[in-house]
Amino acid sequence: MLPYAVITITLALLLYTTGVLAEKKQGELKKWHLVIFWLGFVFDTVGTTLMRTLASGEFRLNFHGVTGMLAIIIMFFHAVWATVVLMSHQEKMMKNFHKFSLVAWFIWLIPFVSGMMFAMVNR
């Protein structure tokens, strides 16, 4: 199960990073960014669920567990908010959305990196 968890979490990283950085570079939220955000969220949720199953299926109240839960919540809110922004067709919101995206992405990176670090230390 570990290889599947690693693959899905890595796909989440690639998708989410691609979506956020492409949106920033293009200067405007587009429909394909939204698709990438939702796919990133799905892969992150699947990968996190697999990792949690490997860790006896329980939530751990530690740095990685808390930041990971926060990251999934923010990632979900980010995708929902992107959906709302695109549906609103408000140019200003679509052009400024990248500011929130960068913050959400950075917060998401914290548990991604801490998970790798904790895994290396505990081997």
PDB file of N, CA and C in Angstrom:
ATOM      1  N   MET A   1       0.812  -1.189   0.000  1.00  0.00           N
ATOM      2  CA  MET A   1       0.000   0.000   0.000  1.00  0.00           C
ATOM      3  C   MET A   1       0.866   1.267   0.000  1.00  0.00           C
ATOM      4  N   LEU A   2       2.043   1.194   0.580  1.00  0.00           N
ATOM      5  CA  LEU A   2       2.921   2.364   0.649  1.00  0.00           C
ATOM      6  C   LEU A   2       3.243   2.956  -0.725  1.00  0.00           C
ATOM      7  N   PRO A   3       3.577   2.127  -1.723  1.00  0.00           N
ATOM      8  CA  PRO A   3       3.857   2.726  -3.046  1.00  0.00           C
ATOM      9  C   PRO A   3       2.669   3.513  -3.604  1.00  0.00           C
ATOM     10  N   TYR A   4       1.443   3.014  -3.406  1.00  0.00           N
ATOM     11  CA  TYR A   4       0.261   3.724  -3.885  1.00  0.00           C
ATOM     12  C   TYR A   4       0.080   5.049  -3.146  1.00  0.00           C
ATOM     13  N   ALA A   5       0.346   5.040  -1.855  1.00  0.00           N
ATOM     14  CA  ALA A   5       0.239   6.268  -1.068  1.00  0.00           C
ATOM     15  C   ALA A   5       1.258   7.299  -1.538  1.00  0.00           C
ATOM     16  N   VAL A   6       2.473   6.854  -1.764  1.00  0.00           N
ATOM     17  CA  VAL A   6       3.529   7.769  -2.217  1.00  0.00           C
ATOM     18  C   VAL A   6       3.207   8.324  -3.606  1.00  0.00           C
ATOM     19  N   ILE A   7       2.734   7.454  -4.481  1.00  0.00           N
ATOM     20  CA  ILE A   7       2.386   7.892  -5.849  1.00  0.00           C
ATOM     21  C   ILE A   7       1.254   8.912  -5.817  1.00  0.00           C
ATOM     22  N   THR A   8       0.208   8.650  -5.051  1.00  0.00           N
ATOM     23  CA  THR A   8      -0.926   9.585  -5.034  1.00  0.00           C
ATOM     24  C   THR A   8      -0.555  10.917  -4.388  1.00  0.00           C
ATOM     25  N   ILE A   9       0.219  10.894  -3.328  1.00  0.00           N
ATOM     26  CA  ILE A   9       0.655  12.142  -2.694  1.00  0.00           C
ATOM     27  C   ILE A   9       1.560  12.923  -3.651  1.00  0.00           C
ATOM     28  N   THR A  10       2.436  12.220  -4.363  1.00  0.00           N
ATOM     29  CA  THR A  10       3.320  12.879  -5.331  1.00  0.00           C
ATOM     30  C   THR A  10       2.527  13.461  -6.493  1.00  0.00           C
ATOM     31  N   LEU A  11       1.515  12.739  -6.959  1.00  0.00           N
ATOM     32  CA  LEU A  11       0.638  13.283  -8.010  1.00  0.00           C
ATOM     33  C   LEU A  11      -0.088  14.524  -7.510  1.00  0.00           C
ATOM     34  N   ALA A  12      -0.509  14.524  -6.255  1.00  0.00           N
ATOM     35  CA  ALA A  12      -1.147  15.707  -5.674  1.00  0.00           C
ATOM     36  C   ALA A  12      -0.178  16.891  -5.704  1.00  0.00           C
ATOM     37  N   LEU A  13       1.075  16.626  -5.330  1.00  0.00           N
ATOM     38  CA  LEU A  13       2.094  17.689  -5.367  1.00  0.00           C
ATOM     39  C   LEU A  13       2.269  18.231  -6.779  1.00  0.00           C
ATOM     40  N   LEU A  14       2.411  17.345  -7.740  1.00  0.00           N
ATOM     41  CA  LEU A  14       2.613  17.780  -9.129  1.00  0.00           C
ATOM     42  C   LEU A  14       1.404  18.550  -9.659  1.00  0.00           C
ATOM     43  N   LEU A  15       0.225  18.051  -9.408  1.00  0.00           N
ATOM     44  CA  LEU A  15      -0.982  18.715  -9.893  1.00  0.00           C
ATOM     45  C   LEU A  15      -1.185  20.071  -9.226  1.00  0.00           C
ATOM     46  N   TYR A  16      -1.113  20.091  -7.910  1.00  0.00           N
ATOM     47  CA  TYR A  16      -1.374  21.322  -7.168  1.00  0.00           C
ATOM     48  C   TYR A  16      -0.328  22.390  -7.502  1.00  0.00           C
ATOM     49  N   THR A  17       0.930  21.987  -7.571  1.00  0.00           N
ATOM     50  CA  THR A  17       1.995  22.927  -7.916  1.00  0.00           C
ATOM     51  C   THR A  17       1.812  23.457  -9.331  1.00  0.00           C
ATOM     52  N   THR A  18       1.504  22.587 -10.261  1.00  0.00           N
ATOM     53  CA  THR A  18       1.266  23.001 -11.644  1.00  0.00           C
ATOM     54  C   THR A  18       0.118  23.999 -11.717  1.00  0.00           C
ATOM     55  N   GLY A  19      -0.982  23.690 -11.062  1.00  0.00           N
ATOM     56  CA  GLY A  19      -2.141  24.582 -11.088  1.00  0.00           C
ATOM     57  C   GLY A  19      -1.849  25.944 -10.501  1.00  0.00           C
ATOM     58  N   VAL A  20      -1.227  25.961  -9.331  1.00  0.00           N
ATOM     59  CA  VAL A  20      -0.949  27.233  -8.646  1.00  0.00           C
ATOM     60  C   VAL A  20       0.061  28.070  -9.423  1.00  0.00           C
ATOM     61  N   LEU A  21       1.153  27.454  -9.850  1.00  0.00           N
ATOM     62  CA  LEU A  21       2.185  28.222 -10.556  1.00  0.00           C
ATOM     63  C   LEU A  21       1.733  28.656 -11.944  1.00  0.00           C
ATOM     64  N   ALA A  22       0.956  27.823 -12.624  1.00  0.00           N
ATOM     65  CA  ALA A  22       0.434  28.210 -13.943  1.00  0.00           C
ATOM     66  C   ALA A  22      -0.554  29.360 -13.806  1.00  0.00           C
ATOM     67  N   GLU A  23      -1.382  29.296 -12.797  1.00  0.00           N
ATOM     68  CA  GLU A  23      -2.335  30.379 -12.562  1.00  0.00           C
ATOM     69  C   GLU A  23      -1.601  31.687 -12.276  1.00  0.00           C
ATOM     70  N   LYS A  24      -0.570  31.613 -11.459  1.00  0.00           N
ATOM     71  CA  LYS A  24       0.236  32.802 -11.142  1.00  0.00           C
ATOM     72  C   LYS A  24       0.884  33.353 -12.409  1.00  0.00           C
ATOM     73  N   LYS A  25       1.478  32.482 -13.201  1.00  0.00           N
ATOM     74  CA  LYS A  25       2.172  32.906 -14.415  1.00  0.00           C
ATOM     75  C   LYS A  25       1.198  33.495 -15.448  1.00  0.00           C
ATOM     76  N   GLN A  26       0.035  32.883 -15.582  1.00  0.00           N
ATOM     77  CA  GLN A  26      -0.938  33.343 -16.571  1.00  0.00           C
ATOM     78  C   GLN A  26      -1.704  34.575 -16.096  1.00  0.00           C
ATOM     79  N   GLY A  27      -1.639  34.854 -14.795  1.00  0.00           N
ATOM     80  CA  GLY A  27      -2.227  36.064 -14.261  1.00  0.00           C
ATOM     81  C   GLY A  27      -3.738  36.070 -14.135  1.00  0.00           C
ATOM     82  N   GLU A  28      -4.352  34.916 -14.301  1.00  0.00           N
ATOM     83  CA  GLU A  28      -5.807  34.846 -14.219  1.00  0.00           C
ATOM     84  C   GLU A  28      -6.234  33.400 -14.005  1.00  0.00           C
ATOM     85  N   LEU A  29      -7.216  33.219 -13.146  1.00  0.00           N
ATOM     86  CA  LEU A  29      -7.770  31.894 -12.899  1.00  0.00           C
ATOM     87  C   LEU A  29      -8.547  31.428 -14.129  1.00  0.00           C
ATOM     88  N   LYS A  30      -8.245  30.219 -14.572  1.00  0.00           N
ATOM     89  CA  LYS A  30      -8.925  29.648 -15.738  1.00  0.00           C
ATOM     90  C   LYS A  30      -9.553  28.313 -15.362  1.00  0.00           C
ATOM     91  N   LYS A  31     -10.433  27.819 -16.219  1.00  0.00           N
ATOM     92  CA  LYS A  31     -11.151  26.573 -15.932  1.00  0.00           C
ATOM     93  C   LYS A  31     -10.207  25.399 -15.734  1.00  0.00           C
ATOM     94  N   TRP A  32      -9.152  25.320 -16.531  1.00  0.00           N
ATOM     95  CA  TRP A  32      -8.264  24.164 -16.396  1.00  0.00           C
ATOM     96  C   TRP A  32      -7.519  24.191 -15.071  1.00  0.00           C
ATOM     97  N   HIS A  33      -7.277  25.406 -14.515  1.00  0.00           N
ATOM     98  CA  HIS A  33      -6.662  25.490 -13.187  1.00  0.00           C
ATOM     99  C   HIS A  33      -7.595  24.864 -12.152  1.00  0.00           C
ATOM    100  N   LEU A  34      -8.876  25.167 -12.293  1.00  0.00           N
ATOM    101  CA  LEU A  34      -9.871  24.617 -11.373  1.00  0.00           C
ATOM    102  C   LEU A  34      -9.861  23.089 -11.406  1.00  0.00           C
ATOM    103  N   VAL A  35      -9.822  22.529 -12.595  1.00  0.00           N
ATOM    104  CA  VAL A  35      -9.771  21.067 -12.737  1.00  0.00           C
ATOM    105  C   VAL A  35      -8.532  20.511 -12.030  1.00  0.00           C
ATOM    106  N   ILE A  36      -7.414  21.164 -12.217  1.00  0.00           N
ATOM    107  CA  ILE A  36      -6.162  20.723 -11.588  1.00  0.00           C
ATOM    108  C   ILE A  36      -6.252  20.824 -10.067  1.00  0.00           C
ATOM    109  N   PHE A  37      -6.860  21.907  -9.544  1.00  0.00           N
ATOM    110  CA  PHE A  37      -7.008  22.047  -8.092  1.00  0.00           C
ATOM    111  C   PHE A  37      -7.852  20.913  -7.520  1.00  0.00           C
ATOM    112  N   TRP A  38      -8.972  20.585  -8.183  1.00  0.00           N
ATOM    113  CA  TRP A  38      -9.831  19.506  -7.688  1.00  0.00           C
ATOM    114  C   TRP A  38      -9.131  18.151  -7.789  1.00  0.00           C
ATOM    115  N   LEU A  39      -8.406  17.919  -8.877  1.00  0.00           N
ATOM    116  CA  LEU A  39      -7.663  16.655  -8.997  1.00  0.00           C
ATOM    117  C   LEU A  39      -6.583  16.561  -7.928  1.00  0.00           C
ATOM    118  N   GLY A  40      -5.894  17.651  -7.674  1.00  0.00           N
ATOM    119  CA  GLY A  40      -4.888  17.673  -6.612  1.00  0.00           C
ATOM    120  C   GLY A  40      -5.508  17.335  -5.267  1.00  0.00           C
ATOM    121  N   PHE A  41      -6.675  17.925  -5.004  1.00  0.00           N
ATOM    122  CA  PHE A  41      -7.378  17.647  -3.749  1.00  0.00           C
ATOM    123  C   PHE A  41      -7.746  16.167  -3.644  1.00  0.00           C
ATOM    124  N   VAL A  42      -8.266  15.593  -4.724  1.00  0.00           N
ATOM    125  CA  VAL A  42      -8.662  14.177  -4.717  1.00  0.00           C
ATOM    126  C   VAL A  42      -7.448  13.287  -4.462  1.00  0.00           C
ATOM    127  N   PHE A  43      -6.358  13.524  -5.182  1.00  0.00           N
ATOM    128  CA  PHE A  43      -5.167  12.695  -4.995  1.00  0.00           C
ATOM    129  C   PHE A  43      -4.580  12.871  -3.598  1.00  0.00           C
ATOM    130  N   ASP A  44      -4.614  14.090  -3.072  1.00  0.00           N
ATOM    131  CA  ASP A  44      -4.102  14.312  -1.725  1.00  0.00           C
ATOM    132  C   ASP A  44      -4.962  13.584  -0.696  1.00  0.00           C
ATOM    133  N   THR A  45      -6.275  13.632  -0.872  1.00  0.00           N
ATOM    134  CA  THR A  45      -7.176  12.954   0.060  1.00  0.00           C
ATOM    135  C   THR A  45      -6.975  11.442   0.016  1.00  0.00           C
ATOM    136  N   VAL A  46      -6.853  10.893  -1.187  1.00  0.00           N
ATOM    137  CA  VAL A  46      -6.620   9.445  -1.329  1.00  0.00           C
ATOM    138  C   VAL A  46      -5.272   9.067  -0.710  1.00  0.00           C
ATOM    139  N   GLY A  47      -4.237   9.821  -1.042  1.00  0.00           N
ATOM    140  CA  GLY A  47      -2.903   9.531  -0.503  1.00  0.00           C
ATOM    141  C   GLY A  47      -2.862   9.635   1.009  1.00  0.00           C
ATOM    142  N   THR A  48      -3.513  10.656   1.549  1.00  0.00           N
ATOM    143  CA  THR A  48      -3.551  10.829   3.003  1.00  0.00           C
ATOM    144  C   THR A  48      -4.315   9.691   3.665  1.00  0.00           C
ATOM    145  N   THR A  49      -5.405   9.272   3.051  1.00  0.00           N
ATOM    146  CA  THR A  49      -6.183   8.150   3.586  1.00  0.00           C
ATOM    147  C   THR A  49      -5.347   6.873   3.591  1.00  0.00           C
ATOM    148  N   LEU A  50      -4.611   6.636   2.507  1.00  0.00           N
ATOM    149  CA  LEU A  50      -3.741   5.455   2.457  1.00  0.00           C
ATOM    150  C   LEU A  50      -2.652   5.533   3.519  1.00  0.00           C
ATOM    151  N   MET A  51      -2.047   6.713   3.669  1.00  0.00           N
ATOM    152  CA  MET A  51      -0.996   6.881   4.688  1.00  0.00           C
ATOM    153  C   MET A  51      -1.567   6.657   6.089  1.00  0.00           C
ATOM    154  N   ARG A  52      -2.763   7.180   6.331  1.00  0.00           N
ATOM    155  CA  ARG A  52      -3.375   7.006   7.646  1.00  0.00           C
ATOM    156  C   ARG A  52      -3.672   5.535   7.914  1.00  0.00           C
ATOM    157  N   THR A  53      -4.093   4.811   6.887  1.00  0.00           N
ATOM    158  CA  THR A  53      -4.337   3.370   7.029  1.00  0.00           C
ATOM    159  C   THR A  53      -3.044   2.652   7.398  1.00  0.00           C
ATOM    160  N   LEU A  54      -1.953   3.054   6.783  1.00  0.00           N
ATOM    161  CA  LEU A  54      -0.654   2.456   7.110  1.00  0.00           C
ATOM    162  C   LEU A  54      -0.225   2.768   8.541  1.00  0.00           C
ATOM    163  N   ALA A  55      -0.677   3.903   9.066  1.00  0.00           N
ATOM    164  CA  ALA A  55      -0.312   4.319  10.425  1.00  0.00           C
ATOM    165  C   ALA A  55      -1.391   3.903  11.424  1.00  0.00           C
ATOM    166  N   SER A  56      -1.921   2.719  11.282  1.00  0.00           N
ATOM    167  CA  SER A  56      -2.923   2.135  12.186  1.00  0.00           C
ATOM    168  C   SER A  56      -4.284   2.803  12.100  1.00  0.00           C
ATOM    169  N   GLY A  57      -4.519   3.613  11.088  1.00  0.00           N
ATOM    170  CA  GLY A  57      -5.834   4.185  10.852  1.00  0.00           C
ATOM    171  C   GLY A  57      -6.281   5.249  11.819  1.00  0.00           C
ATOM    172  N   GLU A  58      -5.377   5.790  12.596  1.00  0.00           N
ATOM    173  CA  GLU A  58      -5.803   6.788  13.576  1.00  0.00           C
ATOM    174  C   GLU A  58      -5.138   8.134  13.314  1.00  0.00           C
ATOM    175  N   PHE A  59      -5.860   9.198  13.651  1.00  0.00           N
ATOM    176  CA  PHE A  59      -5.321  10.546  13.551  1.00  0.00           C
ATOM    177  C   PHE A  59      -4.346  10.760  14.697  1.00  0.00           C
ATOM    178  N   ARG A  60      -3.220  11.336  14.380  1.00  0.00           N
ATOM    179  CA  ARG A  60      -2.217  11.599  15.421  1.00  0.00           C
ATOM    180  C   ARG A  60      -2.130  13.096  15.665  1.00  0.00           C
ATOM    181  N   LEU A  61      -2.251  13.460  16.922  1.00  0.00           N
ATOM    182  CA  LEU A  61      -2.199  14.860  17.309  1.00  0.00           C
ATOM    183  C   LEU A  61      -0.746  15.278  17.477  1.00  0.00           C
ATOM    184  N   ASN A  62      -0.084  15.455  16.317  1.00  0.00           N
ATOM    185  CA  ASN A  62       1.293  15.935  16.308  1.00  0.00           C
ATOM    186  C   ASN A  62       1.409  16.979  15.192  1.00  0.00           C
ATOM    187  N   PHE A  63       2.586  17.510  15.005  1.00  0.00           N
ATOM    188  CA  PHE A  63       2.788  18.573  14.018  1.00  0.00           C
ATOM    189  C   PHE A  63       2.301  18.150  12.637  1.00  0.00           C
ATOM    190  N   HIS A  64       2.731  16.990  12.198  1.00  0.00           N
ATOM    191  CA  HIS A  64       2.363  16.520  10.862  1.00  0.00           C
ATOM    192  C   HIS A  64       0.859  16.256  10.751  1.00  0.00           C
ATOM    193  N   GLY A  65       0.283  15.657  11.756  1.00  0.00           N
ATOM    194  CA  GLY A  65      -1.148  15.357  11.727  1.00  0.00           C
ATOM    195  C   GLY A  65      -2.001  16.618  11.683  1.00  0.00           C
ATOM    196  N   VAL A  66      -1.662  17.592  12.511  1.00  0.00           N
ATOM    197  CA  VAL A  66      -2.436  18.840  12.568  1.00  0.00           C
ATOM    198  C   VAL A  66      -2.251  19.657  11.293  1.00  0.00           C
ATOM    199  N   THR A  67      -1.009  19.820  10.837  1.00  0.00           N
ATOM    200  CA  THR A  67      -0.791  20.605   9.608  1.00  0.00           C
ATOM    201  C   THR A  67      -1.359  19.882   8.391  1.00  0.00           C
ATOM    202  N   GLY A  68      -1.334  18.555   8.400  1.00  0.00           N
ATOM    203  CA  GLY A  68      -1.905  17.790   7.300  1.00  0.00           C
ATOM    204  C   GLY A  68      -3.412  17.964   7.210  1.00  0.00           C
ATOM    205  N   MET A  69      -4.083  17.920   8.366  1.00  0.00           N
ATOM    206  CA  MET A  69      -5.531  18.124   8.382  1.00  0.00           C
ATOM    207  C   MET A  69      -5.861  19.550   7.947  1.00  0.00           C
ATOM    208  N   LEU A  70      -5.105  20.506   8.441  1.00  0.00           N
ATOM    209  CA  LEU A  70      -5.299  21.905   8.044  1.00  0.00           C
ATOM    210  C   LEU A  70      -5.089  22.084   6.538  1.00  0.00           C
ATOM    211  N   ALA A  71      -4.082  21.409   5.998  1.00  0.00           N
ATOM    212  CA  ALA A  71      -3.777  21.525   4.569  1.00  0.00           C
ATOM    213  C   ALA A  71      -4.911  20.968   3.712  1.00  0.00           C
ATOM    214  N   ILE A  72      -5.490  19.845   4.100  1.00  0.00           N
ATOM    215  CA  ILE A  72      -6.595  19.273   3.332  1.00  0.00           C
ATOM    216  C   ILE A  72      -7.813  20.192   3.384  1.00  0.00           C
ATOM    217  N   ILE A  73      -8.074  20.753   4.546  1.00  0.00           N
ATOM    218  CA  ILE A  73      -9.195  21.687   4.678  1.00  0.00           C
ATOM    219  C   ILE A  73      -8.970  22.919   3.804  1.00  0.00           C
ATOM    220  N   ILE A  74      -7.772  23.469   3.842  1.00  0.00           N
ATOM    221  CA  ILE A  74      -7.458  24.642   3.028  1.00  0.00           C
ATOM    222  C   ILE A  74      -7.503  24.292   1.542  1.00  0.00           C
ATOM    223  N   MET A  75      -7.002  23.131   1.191  1.00  0.00           N
ATOM    224  CA  MET A  75      -7.030  22.707  -0.208  1.00  0.00           C
ATOM    225  C   MET A  75      -8.473  22.577  -0.699  1.00  0.00           C
ATOM    226  N   PHE A  76      -9.347  22.027   0.126  1.00  0.00           N
ATOM    227  CA  PHE A  76     -10.758  21.921  -0.228  1.00  0.00           C
ATOM    228  C   PHE A  76     -11.370  23.313  -0.379  1.00  0.00           C
ATOM    229  N   PHE A  77     -11.138  24.183   0.600  1.00  0.00           N
ATOM    230  CA  PHE A  77     -11.661  25.543   0.541  1.00  0.00           C
ATOM    231  C   PHE A  77     -11.129  26.268  -0.692  1.00  0.00           C
ATOM    232  N   HIS A  78      -9.864  26.052  -1.018  1.00  0.00           N
ATOM    233  CA  HIS A  78      -9.240  26.667  -2.183  1.00  0.00           C
ATOM    234  C   HIS A  78      -9.968  26.252  -3.462  1.00  0.00           C
ATOM    235  N   ALA A  79     -10.243  24.971  -3.612  1.00  0.00           N
ATOM    236  CA  ALA A  79     -10.933  24.477  -4.806  1.00  0.00           C
ATOM    237  C   ALA A  79     -12.376  24.995  -4.865  1.00  0.00           C
ATOM    238  N   VAL A  80     -13.047  25.023  -3.724  1.00  0.00           N
ATOM    239  CA  VAL A  80     -14.414  25.553  -3.679  1.00  0.00           C
ATOM    240  C   VAL A  80     -14.417  27.030  -4.037  1.00  0.00           C
ATOM    241  N   TRP A  81     -13.486  27.785  -3.439  1.00  0.00           N
ATOM    242  CA  TRP A  81     -13.423  29.219  -3.711  1.00  0.00           C
ATOM    243  C   TRP A  81     -13.076  29.479  -5.184  1.00  0.00           C
ATOM    244  N   ALA A  82     -12.209  28.686  -5.751  1.00  0.00           N
ATOM    245  CA  ALA A  82     -11.883  28.819  -7.180  1.00  0.00           C
ATOM    246  C   ALA A  82     -13.133  28.584  -8.030  1.00  0.00           C
ATOM    247  N   THR A  83     -13.945  27.618  -7.634  1.00  0.00           N
ATOM    248  CA  THR A  83     -15.195  27.349  -8.344  1.00  0.00           C
ATOM    249  C   THR A  83     -16.118  28.565  -8.275  1.00  0.00           C
ATOM    250  N   VAL A  84     -16.256  29.134  -7.092  1.00  0.00           N
ATOM    251  CA  VAL A  84     -17.105  30.315  -6.899  1.00  0.00           C
ATOM    252  C   VAL A  84     -16.591  31.486  -7.730  1.00  0.00           C
ATOM    253  N   VAL A  85     -15.285  31.708  -7.700  1.00  0.00           N
ATOM    254  CA  VAL A  85     -14.686  32.817  -8.450  1.00  0.00           C
ATOM    255  C   VAL A  85     -14.929  32.651  -9.945  1.00  0.00           C
ATOM    256  N   LEU A  86     -14.718  31.459 -10.452  1.00  0.00           N
ATOM    257  CA  LEU A  86     -14.942  31.235 -11.888  1.00  0.00           C
ATOM    258  C   LEU A  86     -16.409  31.396 -12.266  1.00  0.00           C
ATOM    259  N   MET A  87     -17.293  30.943 -11.416  1.00  0.00           N
ATOM    260  CA  MET A  87     -18.718  31.059 -11.711  1.00  0.00           C
ATOM    261  C   MET A  87     -19.206  32.507 -11.627  1.00  0.00           C
ATOM    262  N   SER A  88     -18.516  33.329 -10.841  1.00  0.00           N
ATOM    263  CA  SER A  88     -18.932  34.724 -10.681  1.00  0.00           C
ATOM    264  C   SER A  88     -18.591  35.574 -11.898  1.00  0.00           C
ATOM    265  N   HIS A  89     -17.587  35.152 -12.658  1.00  0.00           N
ATOM    266  CA  HIS A  89     -17.126  35.887 -13.844  1.00  0.00           C
ATOM    267  C   HIS A  89     -16.676  37.306 -13.518  1.00  0.00           C
ATOM    268  N   GLN A  90     -16.230  37.552 -12.299  1.00  0.00           N
ATOM    269  CA  GLN A  90     -15.745  38.877 -11.924  1.00  0.00           C
ATOM    270  C   GLN A  90     -14.244  38.946 -12.209  1.00  0.00           C
ATOM    271  N   GLU A  91     -13.902  39.786 -13.133  1.00  0.00           N
ATOM    272  CA  GLU A  91     -12.525  39.903 -13.614  1.00  0.00           C
ATOM    273  C   GLU A  91     -11.532  40.167 -12.482  1.00  0.00           C
ATOM    274  N   LYS A  92     -11.863  41.084 -11.584  1.00  0.00           N
ATOM    275  CA  LYS A  92     -10.943  41.434 -10.498  1.00  0.00           C
ATOM    276  C   LYS A  92     -10.666  40.216  -9.601  1.00  0.00           C
ATOM    277  N   MET A  93     -11.712  39.465  -9.274  1.00  0.00           N
ATOM    278  CA  MET A  93     -11.537  38.283  -8.432  1.00  0.00           C
ATOM    279  C   MET A  93     -10.682  37.241  -9.152  1.00  0.00           C
ATOM    280  N   MET A  94     -10.917  37.082 -10.457  1.00  0.00           N
ATOM    281  CA  MET A  94     -10.170  36.084 -11.225  1.00  0.00           C
ATOM    282  C   MET A  94      -8.695  36.468 -11.341  1.00  0.00           C
ATOM    283  N   LYS A  95      -8.390  37.754 -11.393  1.00  0.00           N
ATOM    284  CA  LYS A  95      -7.004  38.200 -11.508  1.00  0.00           C
ATOM    285  C   LYS A  95      -6.269  38.184 -10.161  1.00  0.00           C
ATOM    286  N   ASN A  96      -6.998  38.312  -9.059  1.00  0.00           N
ATOM    287  CA  ASN A  96      -6.364  38.353  -7.740  1.00  0.00           C
ATOM    288  C   ASN A  96      -6.383  37.021  -7.001  1.00  0.00           C
ATOM    289  N   PHE A  97      -7.011  36.025  -7.583  1.00  0.00           N
ATOM    290  CA  PHE A  97      -7.141  34.731  -6.923  1.00  0.00           C
ATOM    291  C   PHE A  97      -5.780  34.099  -6.626  1.00  0.00           C
ATOM    292  N   HIS A  98      -4.782  34.362  -7.472  1.00  0.00           N
ATOM    293  CA  HIS A  98      -3.463  33.738  -7.304  1.00  0.00           C
ATOM    294  C   HIS A  98      -2.829  34.061  -5.953  1.00  0.00           C
ATOM    295  N   LYS A  99      -3.188  35.188  -5.351  1.00  0.00           N
ATOM    296  CA  LYS A  99      -2.622  35.527  -4.039  1.00  0.00           C
ATOM    297  C   LYS A  99      -3.044  34.496  -2.997  1.00  0.00           C
ATOM    298  N   PHE A 100      -4.315  34.124  -3.025  1.00  0.00           N
ATOM    299  CA  PHE A 100      -4.798  33.087  -2.112  1.00  0.00           C
ATOM    300  C   PHE A 100      -4.196  31.735  -2.474  1.00  0.00           C
ATOM    301  N   SER A 101      -4.068  31.474  -3.772  1.00  0.00           N
ATOM    302  CA  SER A 101      -3.512  30.194  -4.227  1.00  0.00           C
ATOM    303  C   SER A 101      -2.111  29.975  -3.695  1.00  0.00           C
ATOM    304  N   LEU A 102      -1.292  31.001  -3.750  1.00  0.00           N
ATOM    305  CA  LEU A 102       0.092  30.864  -3.283  1.00  0.00           C
ATOM    306  C   LEU A 102       0.149  30.573  -1.785  1.00  0.00           C
ATOM    307  N   VAL A 103      -0.704  31.232  -1.010  1.00  0.00           N
ATOM    308  CA  VAL A 103      -0.743  30.980   0.435  1.00  0.00           C
ATOM    309  C   VAL A 103      -1.223  29.550   0.709  1.00  0.00           C
ATOM    310  N   ALA A 104      -2.295  29.140   0.035  1.00  0.00           N
ATOM    311  CA  ALA A 104      -2.830  27.781   0.220  1.00  0.00           C
ATOM    312  C   ALA A 104      -1.779  26.734  -0.155  1.00  0.00           C
ATOM    313  N   TRP A 105      -1.086  26.952  -1.260  1.00  0.00           N
ATOM    314  CA  TRP A 105      -0.056  26.016  -1.718  1.00  0.00           C
ATOM    315  C   TRP A 105       1.095  25.927  -0.720  1.00  0.00           C
ATOM    316  N   PHE A 106       1.537  27.075  -0.218  1.00  0.00           N
ATOM    317  CA  PHE A 106       2.637  27.076   0.748  1.00  0.00           C
ATOM    318  C   PHE A 106       2.240  26.328   2.016  1.00  0.00           C
ATOM    319  N   ILE A 107       1.032  26.571   2.511  1.00  0.00           N
ATOM    320  CA  ILE A 107       0.559  25.859   3.703  1.00  0.00           C
ATOM    321  C   ILE A 107       0.487  24.359   3.418  1.00  0.00           C
ATOM    322  N   TRP A 108       0.055  23.986   2.207  1.00  0.00           N
ATOM    323  CA  TRP A 108      -0.031  22.569   1.840  1.00  0.00           C
ATOM    324  C   TRP A 108       1.355  21.916   1.817  1.00  0.00           C
ATOM    325  N   LEU A 109       2.363  22.690   1.433  1.00  0.00           N
ATOM    326  CA  LEU A 109       3.719  22.133   1.368  1.00  0.00           C
ATOM    327  C   LEU A 109       4.284  21.755   2.743  1.00  0.00           C
ATOM    328  N   ILE A 110       3.830  22.422   3.784  1.00  0.00           N
ATOM    329  CA  ILE A 110       4.370  22.162   5.130  1.00  0.00           C
ATOM    330  C   ILE A 110       4.190  20.696   5.537  1.00  0.00           C
ATOM    331  N   PRO A 111       2.980  20.132   5.506  1.00  0.00           N
ATOM    332  CA  PRO A 111       2.861  18.715   5.872  1.00  0.00           C
ATOM    333  C   PRO A 111       3.469  17.780   4.829  1.00  0.00           C
ATOM    334  N   PHE A 112       3.511  18.204   3.577  1.00  0.00           N
ATOM    335  CA  PHE A 112       4.147  17.364   2.563  1.00  0.00           C
ATOM    336  C   PHE A 112       5.622  17.179   2.909  1.00  0.00           C
ATOM    337  N   VAL A 113       6.304  18.278   3.201  1.00  0.00           N
ATOM    338  CA  VAL A 113       7.736  18.216   3.529  1.00  0.00           C
ATOM    339  C   VAL A 113       7.945  17.551   4.890  1.00  0.00           C
ATOM    340  N   SER A 114       7.108  17.890   5.879  1.00  0.00           N
ATOM    341  CA  SER A 114       7.299  17.293   7.209  1.00  0.00           C
ATOM    342  C   SER A 114       7.049  15.787   7.166  1.00  0.00           C
ATOM    343  N   GLY A 115       6.125  15.343   6.324  1.00  0.00           N
ATOM    344  CA  GLY A 115       5.881  13.908   6.189  1.00  0.00           C
ATOM    345  C   GLY A 115       7.094  13.186   5.650  1.00  0.00           C
ATOM    346  N   MET A 116       7.746  13.788   4.653  1.00  0.00           N
ATOM    347  CA  MET A 116       8.974  13.184   4.106  1.00  0.00           C
ATOM    348  C   MET A 116      10.070  13.168   5.170  1.00  0.00           C
ATOM    349  N   MET A 117      10.198  14.275   5.899  1.00  0.00           N
ATOM    350  CA  MET A 117      11.254  14.360   6.920  1.00  0.00           C
ATOM    351  C   MET A 117      11.024  13.339   8.040  1.00  0.00           C
ATOM    352  N   PHE A 118       9.778  13.245   8.519  1.00  0.00           N
ATOM    353  CA  PHE A 118       9.473  12.287   9.582  1.00  0.00           C
ATOM    354  C   PHE A 118       9.695  10.860   9.098  1.00  0.00           C
ATOM    355  N   ALA A 119       9.359  10.582   7.861  1.00  0.00           N
ATOM    356  CA  ALA A 119       9.563   9.237   7.304  1.00  0.00           C
ATOM    357  C   ALA A 119      11.049   8.894   7.242  1.00  0.00           C
ATOM    358  N   MET A 120      11.876   9.852   6.862  1.00  0.00           N
ATOM    359  CA  MET A 120      13.323   9.597   6.772  1.00  0.00           C
ATOM    360  C   MET A 120      13.935   9.413   8.158  1.00  0.00           C
ATOM    361  N   VAL A 121      13.487  10.182   9.125  1.00  0.00           N
ATOM    362  CA  VAL A 121      14.029  10.103  10.476  1.00  0.00           C
ATOM    363  C   VAL A 121      13.624   8.789  11.152  1.00  0.00           C
ATOM    364  N   ASN A 122      12.406   8.325  10.876  1.00  0.00           N
ATOM    365  CA  ASN A 122      11.888   7.127  11.541  1.00  0.00           C
ATOM    366  C   ASN A 122      12.215   5.830  10.821  1.00  0.00           C
ATOM    367  N   ARG A 123      13.046   5.862   9.831  1.00  0.00           N
ATOM    368  CA  ARG A 123      13.393   4.621   9.104  1.00  0.00           C
ATOM    369  C   ARG A 123      14.453   3.892   9.818  1.00  0.00           C
TER     370      ARG A 123
END
